[in-house]
Amino acid sequence: MTLAPKLQLRQAQTLALTPQLRQSIALLQFSTLDAAAFVEGELERNPLLERVDGHETHARDQVSDRAAIRQLYPSPLPTPRSRTLPVAASGHRPVVADGPGLLHRLASQLRLSRLPRAEQRIGEALIAALSATGRIDIPADTMASSLGTSADAVESVRRHMMRFDPVGVFARDLRECLAVQLEERGQLDEPMTRLVDHLPLVARRDVRRLARACDVAPGRVVTMIALVRALNPTPGRGVDEAGVPAVVPELMVSRGPGGRWVVERDDRVLPRIALNAALRARAGRRVTGDDRRFLRRHAGQGAWLIRALEQRGTTMLNVAEDIMSRQIGFLEHGPGGLVPLTMRTLAQSQGLHESTISRVSNGKYIATPHGTFELRYFFTQSVGTVDASHSAEAVRRTIARLIDAERADAILSDADIAEALCKLGMDIARRTVAKYRDALNIPGSVQRRRNREAGLQHR
């Protein structure tokens, strides 16, 4: 047999990733802050790109002073891109958690609350007047006079905003701060109300006098004191500490007209860019040689970036809309209402690859009525439940709620919790309860009983 070189014509399909395609994939995977930094870099490198007049990004702003209110409410506001979900109305309050700073978090919640514009202005003034501890020291009539409104209107908005996250901000004193936190937890009954009316006795741990004042047994007083000591007396402190990574939601979901859920994209978090029309026109005339090639190359790169940013935003909005339409229970009832959802299910629905869904959901955040969450949070596996409709997150939340509600004289064992879950349609084994409890950093029943007796919180 003789071996000799020869030429053959053969057809084959290959996937070639061009530099622009690779950058498009990277841009989709970027977090909000990374995407903002990338666009800023392109604005510096590409002479044909310019920032749209009147638009400044606030994605990397660490809001830490009262001037932030003016930055967060530019006039006029860009119109957000939005989609609507057909859902029945519900009366849940809006809360945005995990923002980059206290003022930013509160201003975001105020905007999401969709209060009338007159009440929004009062809310902005309250945020600007907030002390370092999260208290309001300016009298209501003084603020009302400067705003041209009534003291009752100021107090109404202030009481509404006391339930923003962190709960207890905008309180006028310690008693009011603690009372609203207890009310949010469903623990402000008549005896607890009397307890917070006697805070000096609580500070001295005068159990005997508190028992008489609250008309309860001394053992109950010990438990009540432990609940009060677990609260945050200064909810405004520690929120702006350095080293906390900024979380900037590009998306938000809130109530729209007619009680329908609306998914919006906040276009302000990234710089809005456009091609300089004059320089682009010069690329086609009056310029020759290297200059013309330079302008044309940068015009092409700029046009690609604009399209890629728009595609990134559209993909995020489509995915977020699909997620929220499947997690209506979460929107209506909070994390306990999460249902199982996988990326594969969403990829099939959107006609995208599963890796694309992963890129979109990683590092992208959405502000919801129950806090700000990474899109990845809403993908959760199902557990072995009776009706197979409960997510692992819903089970964990239920376990935490059962333990939070347990009495000092009736500490729940893991077997007791498993039995309670079974009655709720969650057929969970005792060892699974123990695994979820450990993941929540909640000690076992023996240690919790000791903590209760010592007046300590269980976590």
Protein backbone atom coordinates (compact mmCIF):
# COMPACT_ATOMS: atom_id res chain seq x y z
CA MET A 1 0.00 0.00 0.00
CA THR A 2 1.34 3.39 -1.02
CA LEU A 3 0.69 6.44 1.12
CA ALA A 4 0.55 9.69 -0.77
CA PRO A 5 -0.80 13.15 0.06
CA LYS A 6 -4.01 14.19 -1.65
CA LEU A 7 -6.62 16.96 -1.51
CA GLN A 8 -10.22 16.32 -0.50
CA LEU A 9 -13.21 18.67 -0.37
CA ARG A 10 -15.22 18.11 2.78
CA GLN A 11 -18.13 20.05 4.33
CA ALA A 12 -18.40 20.46 8.08
CA GLN A 13 -20.32 22.69 10.48
CA THR A 14 -18.45 24.54 13.21
CA LEU A 15 -19.47 27.19 15.69
CA ALA A 16 -17.17 30.19 15.58
CA LEU A 17 -17.36 32.68 18.42
CA THR A 18 -16.47 36.07 17.03
CA PRO A 19 -14.98 38.64 19.42
CA GLN A 20 -18.28 40.54 19.42
CA LEU A 21 -20.28 37.40 20.17
CA ARG A 22 -17.97 36.58 23.05
CA GLN A 23 -18.40 40.11 24.38
CA SER A 24 -22.19 39.82 24.03
CA ILE A 25 -22.15 36.66 26.15
CA ALA A 26 -19.90 38.35 28.71
CA LEU A 27 -22.15 41.42 28.83
CA LEU A 28 -25.17 39.21 29.52
CA GLN A 29 -23.30 37.52 32.35
CA PHE A 30 -22.06 40.77 33.91
CA SER A 31 -23.64 41.92 37.14
CA THR A 32 -25.18 45.38 37.13
CA LEU A 33 -22.05 47.00 38.54
CA ASP A 34 -19.75 45.15 36.15
CA ALA A 35 -21.93 46.10 33.19
CA ALA A 36 -21.91 49.75 34.27
CA ALA A 37 -18.11 49.69 34.57
CA PHE A 38 -17.81 48.06 31.13
CA VAL A 39 -19.99 50.71 29.50
CA GLU A 40 -18.06 53.50 31.22
CA GLY A 41 -14.86 52.03 29.84
CA GLU A 42 -16.31 51.92 26.32
CA LEU A 43 -17.35 55.57 26.65
CA GLU A 44 -13.72 56.44 27.34
CA ARG A 45 -12.26 54.26 24.60
CA ASN A 46 -14.70 54.96 21.77
CA PRO A 47 -14.77 58.61 20.58
CA LEU A 48 -18.04 58.04 18.71
CA LEU A 49 -19.96 57.03 21.82
CA GLU A 50 -21.53 59.68 24.00
CA ARG A 51 -23.75 59.69 27.05
CA VAL A 52 -27.34 60.68 26.42
CA ASP A 53 -27.91 64.22 27.72
CA GLY A 54 -29.36 64.46 31.21
CA HIS A 55 -28.67 60.83 32.12
CA GLU A 56 -26.25 59.83 34.84
CA THR A 57 -25.88 56.31 36.16
CA HIS A 58 -26.35 55.68 39.87
CA ALA A 59 -25.45 51.99 39.87
CA ARG A 60 -22.18 52.52 41.73
CA ASP A 61 -23.27 55.39 43.94
CA GLN A 62 -22.92 54.60 47.62
CA VAL A 63 -25.62 56.88 48.95
CA SER A 64 -24.51 58.17 52.32
CA ASP A 65 -25.76 61.76 52.63
CA ARG A 66 -28.99 63.69 52.41
CA ALA A 67 -28.16 65.07 48.96
CA ALA A 68 -28.88 61.56 47.66
CA ILE A 69 -32.60 62.29 47.56
CA ARG A 70 -32.10 64.76 44.73
CA GLN A 71 -29.92 62.21 42.89
CA LEU A 72 -32.46 59.43 43.25
CA TYR A 73 -35.35 61.54 42.00
CA PRO A 74 -34.09 63.37 38.90
CA SER A 75 -36.66 65.36 37.00
CA PRO A 76 -37.93 64.15 34.69
CA LEU A 77 -37.51 60.46 35.49
CA PRO A 78 -36.78 58.17 32.54
CA THR A 79 -39.80 56.07 31.64
CA PRO A 80 -39.13 52.47 32.76
CA ARG A 81 -39.68 49.54 30.43
CA SER A 82 -42.48 47.46 31.91
CA ARG A 83 -44.60 44.35 31.46
CA THR A 84 -47.83 43.50 33.27
CA LEU A 85 -48.83 40.23 34.91
CA PRO A 86 -52.53 39.38 35.32
CA VAL A 87 -52.81 38.72 39.06
CA ALA A 88 -55.56 39.37 41.57
CA ALA A 89 -55.05 42.29 43.93
CA SER A 90 -53.47 41.89 47.34
CA GLY A 91 -52.66 44.25 50.18
CA HIS A 92 -49.02 43.48 50.93
CA ARG A 93 -46.68 46.35 51.75
CA PRO A 94 -43.62 46.98 49.57
CA VAL A 95 -40.20 46.42 51.12
CA VAL A 96 -36.80 46.55 49.48
CA ALA A 97 -33.93 44.86 51.31
CA ASP A 98 -30.18 44.65 50.85
CA GLY A 99 -29.65 48.00 49.16
CA PRO A 100 -26.24 49.67 48.97
CA GLY A 101 -27.00 52.17 51.76
CA LEU A 102 -29.76 53.14 54.18
CA LEU A 103 -30.94 56.23 52.31
CA HIS A 104 -30.82 54.40 48.99
CA ARG A 105 -32.80 51.50 50.42
CA LEU A 106 -35.43 53.75 51.91
CA ALA A 107 -35.74 55.91 48.79
CA SER A 108 -36.14 52.79 46.66
CA GLN A 109 -38.89 51.51 48.93
CA LEU A 110 -40.62 54.88 48.83
CA ARG A 111 -40.60 54.85 45.07
CA LEU A 112 -41.82 51.25 44.95
CA SER A 113 -44.66 52.02 47.37
CA ARG A 114 -46.40 54.10 44.68
CA LEU A 115 -47.77 56.58 47.19
CA PRO A 116 -49.38 59.72 45.73
CA ARG A 117 -46.86 62.36 44.72
CA ALA A 118 -47.79 64.62 47.65
CA GLU A 119 -47.04 61.80 50.09
CA GLN A 120 -43.88 60.92 48.18
CA ARG A 121 -42.62 64.46 48.84
CA ILE A 122 -43.32 64.05 52.55
CA GLY A 123 -41.48 60.72 52.47
CA GLU A 124 -38.47 62.32 50.79
CA ALA A 125 -38.35 64.97 53.50
CA LEU A 126 -38.55 62.29 56.20
CA ILE A 127 -35.65 60.40 54.64
CA ALA A 128 -33.61 63.61 54.48
CA ALA A 129 -34.36 64.30 58.15
CA LEU A 130 -33.42 60.81 59.36
CA SER A 131 -30.85 60.68 62.17
CA ALA A 132 -27.86 58.33 62.21
CA THR A 133 -29.77 55.90 64.45
CA GLY A 134 -32.81 55.86 62.17
CA ARG A 135 -34.98 58.17 64.29
CA ILE A 136 -37.01 61.27 63.38
CA ASP A 137 -36.30 64.13 65.80
CA ILE A 138 -38.01 66.98 63.93
CA PRO A 139 -41.56 67.63 65.21
CA ALA A 140 -44.35 66.85 62.77
CA ASP A 141 -45.77 70.40 62.85
CA THR A 142 -42.36 71.88 62.04
CA MET A 143 -41.92 69.61 59.03
CA ALA A 144 -45.54 70.16 57.96
CA SER A 145 -45.03 73.93 58.01
CA SER A 146 -41.98 73.72 55.76
CA LEU A 147 -43.77 71.40 53.33
CA GLY A 148 -47.05 73.31 53.25
CA THR A 149 -49.09 70.37 54.52
CA SER A 150 -50.66 69.18 57.77
CA ALA A 151 -49.01 67.49 60.74
CA ASP A 152 -51.52 64.63 60.41
CA ALA A 153 -50.34 64.01 56.82
CA VAL A 154 -46.71 63.92 57.96
CA GLU A 155 -47.52 61.49 60.76
CA SER A 156 -49.54 59.26 58.44
CA VAL A 157 -46.64 58.91 56.01
CA ARG A 158 -44.15 58.47 58.87
CA ARG A 159 -46.16 55.63 60.40
CA HIS A 160 -46.40 53.98 56.98
CA MET A 161 -42.64 54.26 56.44
CA MET A 162 -41.87 52.84 59.89
CA ARG A 163 -42.61 49.46 58.29
CA PHE A 164 -39.96 49.92 55.62
CA ASP A 165 -36.88 47.75 55.87
CA PRO A 166 -35.23 47.88 58.36
CA VAL A 167 -38.44 47.90 60.37
CA GLY A 168 -38.42 50.58 63.06
CA VAL A 169 -36.79 53.41 61.12
CA PHE A 170 -38.59 56.77 61.38
CA ALA A 171 -39.66 56.04 64.98
CA ARG A 172 -39.60 58.98 67.38
CA ASP A 173 -38.50 57.03 70.44
CA LEU A 174 -37.31 53.61 71.55
CA ARG A 175 -40.74 52.41 72.61
CA GLU A 176 -42.27 53.16 69.21
CA CYS A 177 -39.29 51.55 67.44
CA LEU A 178 -39.60 48.31 69.39
CA ALA A 179 -43.39 48.22 69.23
CA VAL A 180 -43.54 48.35 65.43
CA GLN A 181 -40.93 45.57 65.17
CA LEU A 182 -42.99 43.40 67.50
CA GLU A 183 -46.16 44.20 65.57
CA GLU A 184 -44.50 43.17 62.30
CA ARG A 185 -43.61 39.83 63.90
CA GLY A 186 -47.17 39.34 65.13
CA GLN A 187 -46.00 39.46 68.77
CA LEU A 188 -47.50 42.75 69.97
CA ASP A 189 -50.36 41.42 72.08
CA GLU A 190 -51.76 43.19 75.15
CA PRO A 191 -49.14 41.87 77.64
CA MET A 192 -46.30 42.77 75.24
CA THR A 193 -47.74 46.26 74.79
CA ARG A 194 -47.64 46.73 78.56
CA LEU A 195 -44.09 45.41 78.64
CA VAL A 196 -42.76 47.98 76.15
CA ASP A 197 -44.56 50.65 78.19
CA HIS A 198 -42.22 49.74 81.07
CA LEU A 199 -38.84 49.67 79.36
CA PRO A 200 -36.91 50.85 82.44
CA LEU A 201 -38.13 47.71 84.24
CA VAL A 202 -37.12 45.63 81.22
CA ALA A 203 -33.64 47.12 81.34
CA ARG A 204 -33.33 46.14 85.03
CA ARG A 205 -34.92 42.73 84.34
CA ASP A 206 -37.38 43.34 87.17
CA VAL A 207 -39.40 40.22 86.41
CA ARG A 208 -41.67 40.44 89.47
CA ARG A 209 -42.90 44.00 88.82
CA LEU A 210 -43.21 43.32 85.08
CA ALA A 211 -45.32 40.24 85.78
CA ARG A 212 -47.74 42.38 87.81
CA ALA A 213 -47.79 45.15 85.18
CA CYS A 214 -48.39 42.71 82.31
CA ASP A 215 -50.69 40.41 84.29
CA VAL A 216 -48.78 37.28 83.23
CA ALA A 217 -46.69 34.62 84.95
CA PRO A 218 -43.01 35.37 85.64
CA GLY A 219 -41.95 32.62 83.23
CA ARG A 220 -43.84 34.35 80.43
CA VAL A 221 -42.11 37.63 81.30
CA VAL A 222 -38.69 36.02 80.84
CA THR A 223 -39.70 34.92 77.34
CA MET A 224 -41.09 38.37 76.54
CA ILE A 225 -37.92 40.09 77.68
CA ALA A 226 -35.90 37.75 75.45
CA LEU A 227 -38.08 38.76 72.48
CA VAL A 228 -37.54 42.45 73.19
CA ARG A 229 -33.79 42.02 73.59
CA ALA A 230 -33.68 40.30 70.20
CA LEU A 231 -34.97 43.48 68.51
CA ASN A 232 -32.87 46.25 66.99
CA PRO A 233 -33.12 49.47 69.05
CA THR A 234 -31.21 51.50 66.42
CA PRO A 235 -32.21 50.13 63.00
CA GLY A 236 -30.40 52.97 61.20
CA ARG A 237 -26.95 52.00 62.46
CA GLY A 238 -24.66 49.60 60.61
CA VAL A 239 -26.52 49.72 57.30
CA ASP A 240 -23.91 51.85 55.54
CA GLU A 241 -20.87 50.00 56.90
CA ALA A 242 -17.93 49.77 54.54
CA GLY A 243 -17.25 46.44 52.95
CA VAL A 244 -20.89 45.60 52.27
CA PRO A 245 -21.22 44.92 48.55
CA ALA A 246 -23.68 47.14 46.74
CA VAL A 247 -26.80 45.48 45.39
CA VAL A 248 -28.50 47.50 42.67
CA PRO A 249 -31.74 46.03 41.31
CA GLU A 250 -32.15 46.55 37.57
CA LEU A 251 -35.66 45.14 37.80
CA MET A 252 -38.63 45.67 40.07
CA VAL A 253 -42.08 44.15 40.43
CA SER A 254 -44.92 46.04 42.08
CA ARG A 255 -48.63 46.66 41.93
CA GLY A 256 -49.87 48.46 38.87
CA PRO A 257 -53.26 49.87 37.88
CA GLY A 258 -56.10 47.48 38.58
CA GLY A 259 -54.05 45.44 41.04
CA ARG A 260 -51.96 43.80 38.33
CA TRP A 261 -48.32 42.98 38.98
CA VAL A 262 -45.97 45.05 36.83
CA VAL A 263 -42.39 44.00 36.05
CA GLU A 264 -40.22 47.01 35.27
CA ARG A 265 -36.65 47.60 34.14
CA ASP A 266 -34.92 50.63 35.62
CA ASP A 267 -32.91 52.06 32.73
CA ARG A 268 -31.17 54.54 35.04
CA VAL A 269 -28.82 51.98 36.57
CA LEU A 270 -26.69 51.80 33.40
CA PRO A 271 -25.40 54.72 31.35
CA ARG A 272 -27.59 55.46 28.33
CA ILE A 273 -25.37 55.84 25.30
CA ALA A 274 -25.70 56.82 21.66
CA LEU A 275 -23.47 57.34 18.64
CA ASN A 276 -22.32 60.89 18.00
CA ALA A 277 -24.25 61.75 14.84
CA ALA A 278 -21.76 64.34 13.59
CA LEU A 279 -18.72 62.09 13.91
CA ARG A 280 -20.61 59.15 12.43
CA ALA A 281 -21.52 61.25 9.39
CA ARG A 282 -17.86 62.16 8.92
CA ALA A 283 -17.04 58.47 8.69
CA GLY A 284 -18.86 58.37 5.35
CA ARG A 285 -17.53 61.55 3.77
CA ARG A 286 -14.71 64.08 3.82
CA VAL A 287 -12.46 61.58 5.59
CA THR A 288 -10.18 59.12 3.83
CA GLY A 289 -7.51 56.58 4.60
CA ASP A 290 -6.74 55.55 8.15
CA ASP A 291 -9.02 58.17 9.70
CA ARG A 292 -12.02 56.85 7.82
CA ARG A 293 -11.25 53.26 8.75
CA PHE A 294 -10.79 54.34 12.39
CA LEU A 295 -14.18 56.07 12.51
CA ARG A 296 -15.98 53.24 10.73
CA ARG A 297 -14.49 50.63 13.07
CA HIS A 298 -15.53 52.54 16.17
CA ALA A 299 -18.95 53.31 14.70
CA GLY A 300 -19.50 49.57 14.20
CA GLN A 301 -18.31 48.76 17.69
CA GLY A 302 -20.51 51.45 19.21
CA ALA A 303 -23.59 50.31 17.29
CA TRP A 304 -22.95 46.74 18.43
CA LEU A 305 -22.69 47.82 22.08
CA ILE A 306 -25.98 49.72 21.91
CA ARG A 307 -27.72 46.69 20.40
CA ALA A 308 -26.10 44.33 22.92
CA LEU A 309 -27.24 46.46 25.86
CA GLU A 310 -30.78 46.57 24.52
CA GLN A 311 -30.78 42.81 23.96
CA ARG A 312 -29.42 42.26 27.47
CA GLY A 313 -32.20 44.36 28.98
CA THR A 314 -34.91 42.70 26.89
CA THR A 315 -33.70 39.21 27.81
CA MET A 316 -33.59 40.10 31.50
CA LEU A 317 -37.10 41.56 31.36
CA ASN A 318 -38.50 38.49 29.55
CA VAL A 319 -36.89 36.09 32.02
CA ALA A 320 -37.99 38.13 35.06
CA GLU A 321 -41.55 38.35 33.74
CA ASP A 322 -41.66 34.58 33.24
CA ILE A 323 -40.24 33.95 36.72
CA MET A 324 -42.70 36.28 38.45
CA SER A 325 -45.67 34.84 36.56
CA ARG A 326 -44.73 31.42 37.98
CA GLN A 327 -44.02 32.71 41.51
CA ILE A 328 -47.32 34.44 42.16
CA GLY A 329 -47.46 32.74 45.56
CA PHE A 330 -44.24 34.53 46.49
CA LEU A 331 -45.60 37.91 45.37
CA GLU A 332 -48.82 37.40 47.32
CA HIS A 333 -47.50 35.71 50.48
CA GLY A 334 -43.71 36.10 50.61
CA PRO A 335 -40.90 33.51 50.49
CA GLY A 336 -43.15 30.88 52.03
CA GLY A 337 -45.18 30.93 48.82
CA LEU A 338 -42.30 29.93 46.54
CA VAL A 339 -43.02 26.96 44.28
CA PRO A 340 -40.44 24.64 42.70
CA LEU A 341 -38.91 26.07 39.53
CA THR A 342 -35.88 24.95 37.52
CA MET A 343 -33.78 26.75 34.94
CA ARG A 344 -34.53 23.99 32.46
CA THR A 345 -38.27 24.69 32.72
CA LEU A 346 -37.71 28.39 32.10
CA ALA A 347 -35.25 27.75 29.28
CA GLN A 348 -37.83 25.63 27.47
CA SER A 349 -40.47 28.30 27.98
CA GLN A 350 -38.23 31.11 26.70
CA GLY A 351 -36.67 29.14 23.86
CA LEU A 352 -33.22 29.77 25.29
CA HIS A 353 -30.35 27.55 26.37
CA GLU A 354 -30.19 26.70 30.05
CA SER A 355 -26.77 28.37 30.27
CA THR A 356 -28.34 31.62 29.06
CA ILE A 357 -30.91 31.51 31.85
CA SER A 358 -28.04 30.92 34.28
CA ARG A 359 -26.16 33.96 32.98
CA VAL A 360 -29.25 36.16 33.17
CA SER A 361 -30.15 35.12 36.72
CA ASN A 362 -26.65 35.34 38.19
CA GLY A 363 -25.85 38.70 39.78
CA LYS A 364 -29.09 40.36 38.58
CA TYR A 365 -31.46 41.60 41.26
CA ILE A 366 -35.16 42.41 41.35
CA ALA A 367 -36.93 44.57 43.94
CA THR A 368 -40.13 42.89 45.14
CA PRO A 369 -42.73 43.67 47.80
CA HIS A 370 -40.82 41.31 50.11
CA GLY A 371 -37.27 42.51 49.53
CA THR A 372 -34.60 42.61 46.85
CA PHE A 373 -33.58 39.17 45.61
CA GLU A 374 -31.18 37.75 43.05
CA LEU A 375 -33.11 36.19 40.17
CA ARG A 376 -31.36 32.90 40.95
CA TYR A 377 -33.19 32.87 44.29
CA PHE A 378 -36.46 31.98 42.59
CA PHE A 379 -35.10 28.70 41.20
CA THR A 380 -35.65 26.10 43.87
CA GLN A 381 -36.07 22.35 43.86
CA SER A 382 -39.16 20.58 45.14
CA VAL A 383 -39.11 18.46 48.27
CA GLY A 384 -40.95 15.28 49.13
CA THR A 385 -44.29 16.84 49.94
CA VAL A 386 -47.77 15.44 49.76
CA ASP A 387 -48.81 17.57 46.80
CA ALA A 388 -45.30 18.22 45.40
CA SER A 389 -46.00 21.97 45.29
CA HIS A 390 -43.71 23.16 48.08
CA SER A 391 -40.22 24.41 47.43
CA ALA A 392 -37.24 23.76 49.67
CA GLU A 393 -37.16 27.47 50.54
CA ALA A 394 -40.82 27.39 51.56
CA VAL A 395 -40.11 24.44 53.86
CA ARG A 396 -37.15 26.23 55.45
CA ARG A 397 -39.26 29.34 56.03
CA THR A 398 -42.02 27.28 57.59
CA ILE A 399 -39.57 25.58 59.94
CA ALA A 400 -38.20 28.97 61.03
CA ARG A 401 -41.72 30.29 61.57
CA LEU A 402 -42.72 27.29 63.69
CA ILE A 403 -39.64 27.69 65.87
CA ASP A 404 -40.13 31.45 66.22
CA ALA A 405 -43.69 30.83 67.44
CA GLU A 406 -42.85 28.07 69.95
CA ARG A 407 -43.54 28.75 73.63
CA ALA A 408 -40.86 28.59 76.29
CA ASP A 409 -42.68 25.71 77.98
CA ALA A 410 -43.24 23.80 74.72
CA ILE A 411 -39.99 23.68 72.75
CA LEU A 412 -40.43 21.72 69.53
CA SER A 413 -38.21 18.74 68.77
CA ASP A 414 -37.31 17.91 65.17
CA ALA A 415 -39.90 15.15 65.27
CA ASP A 416 -42.54 17.62 66.48
CA ILE A 417 -41.65 19.97 63.61
CA ALA A 418 -41.82 17.12 61.09
CA GLU A 419 -45.30 16.23 62.39
CA ALA A 420 -46.44 19.86 62.14
CA LEU A 421 -45.12 20.08 58.59
CA CYS A 422 -46.96 16.91 57.63
CA LYS A 423 -50.22 18.52 58.77
CA LEU A 424 -49.42 21.39 56.41
CA GLY A 425 -48.96 19.00 53.50
CA MET A 426 -45.16 18.79 53.74
CA ASP A 427 -44.19 15.16 54.29
CA ILE A 428 -40.63 15.79 55.55
CA ALA A 429 -38.53 13.30 57.48
CA ARG A 430 -37.10 14.24 60.88
CA ARG A 431 -33.52 14.11 59.57
CA THR A 432 -34.49 16.49 56.75
CA VAL A 433 -35.90 18.89 59.32
CA ALA A 434 -32.61 18.71 61.20
CA LYS A 435 -30.68 19.47 58.00
CA TYR A 436 -32.79 22.52 57.18
CA ARG A 437 -32.67 23.71 60.79
CA ASP A 438 -28.87 23.52 60.78
CA ALA A 439 -28.78 25.42 57.48
CA LEU A 440 -30.78 28.17 59.19
CA ASN A 441 -28.25 28.27 62.07
CA ILE A 442 -30.96 27.32 64.56
CA PRO A 443 -29.80 25.11 67.43
CA GLY A 444 -31.55 21.93 68.49
CA SER A 445 -34.41 21.78 70.96
CA VAL A 446 -32.18 21.18 74.02
CA GLN A 447 -30.01 24.22 73.32
CA ARG A 448 -33.04 26.35 72.49
CA ARG A 449 -34.61 25.44 75.83
CA ARG A 450 -31.43 26.50 77.60
CA ASN A 451 -31.34 29.74 75.65
CA ARG A 452 -34.95 30.51 76.56
CA GLU A 453 -34.27 29.90 80.24
CA ALA A 454 -31.26 32.23 80.03
CA GLY A 455 -33.28 34.89 78.23
CA LEU A 456 -31.28 34.54 75.01
CA GLN A 457 -32.50 34.48 71.45
CA HIS A 458 -32.19 31.17 69.62
CA ARG A 459 -30.32 32.62 66.62
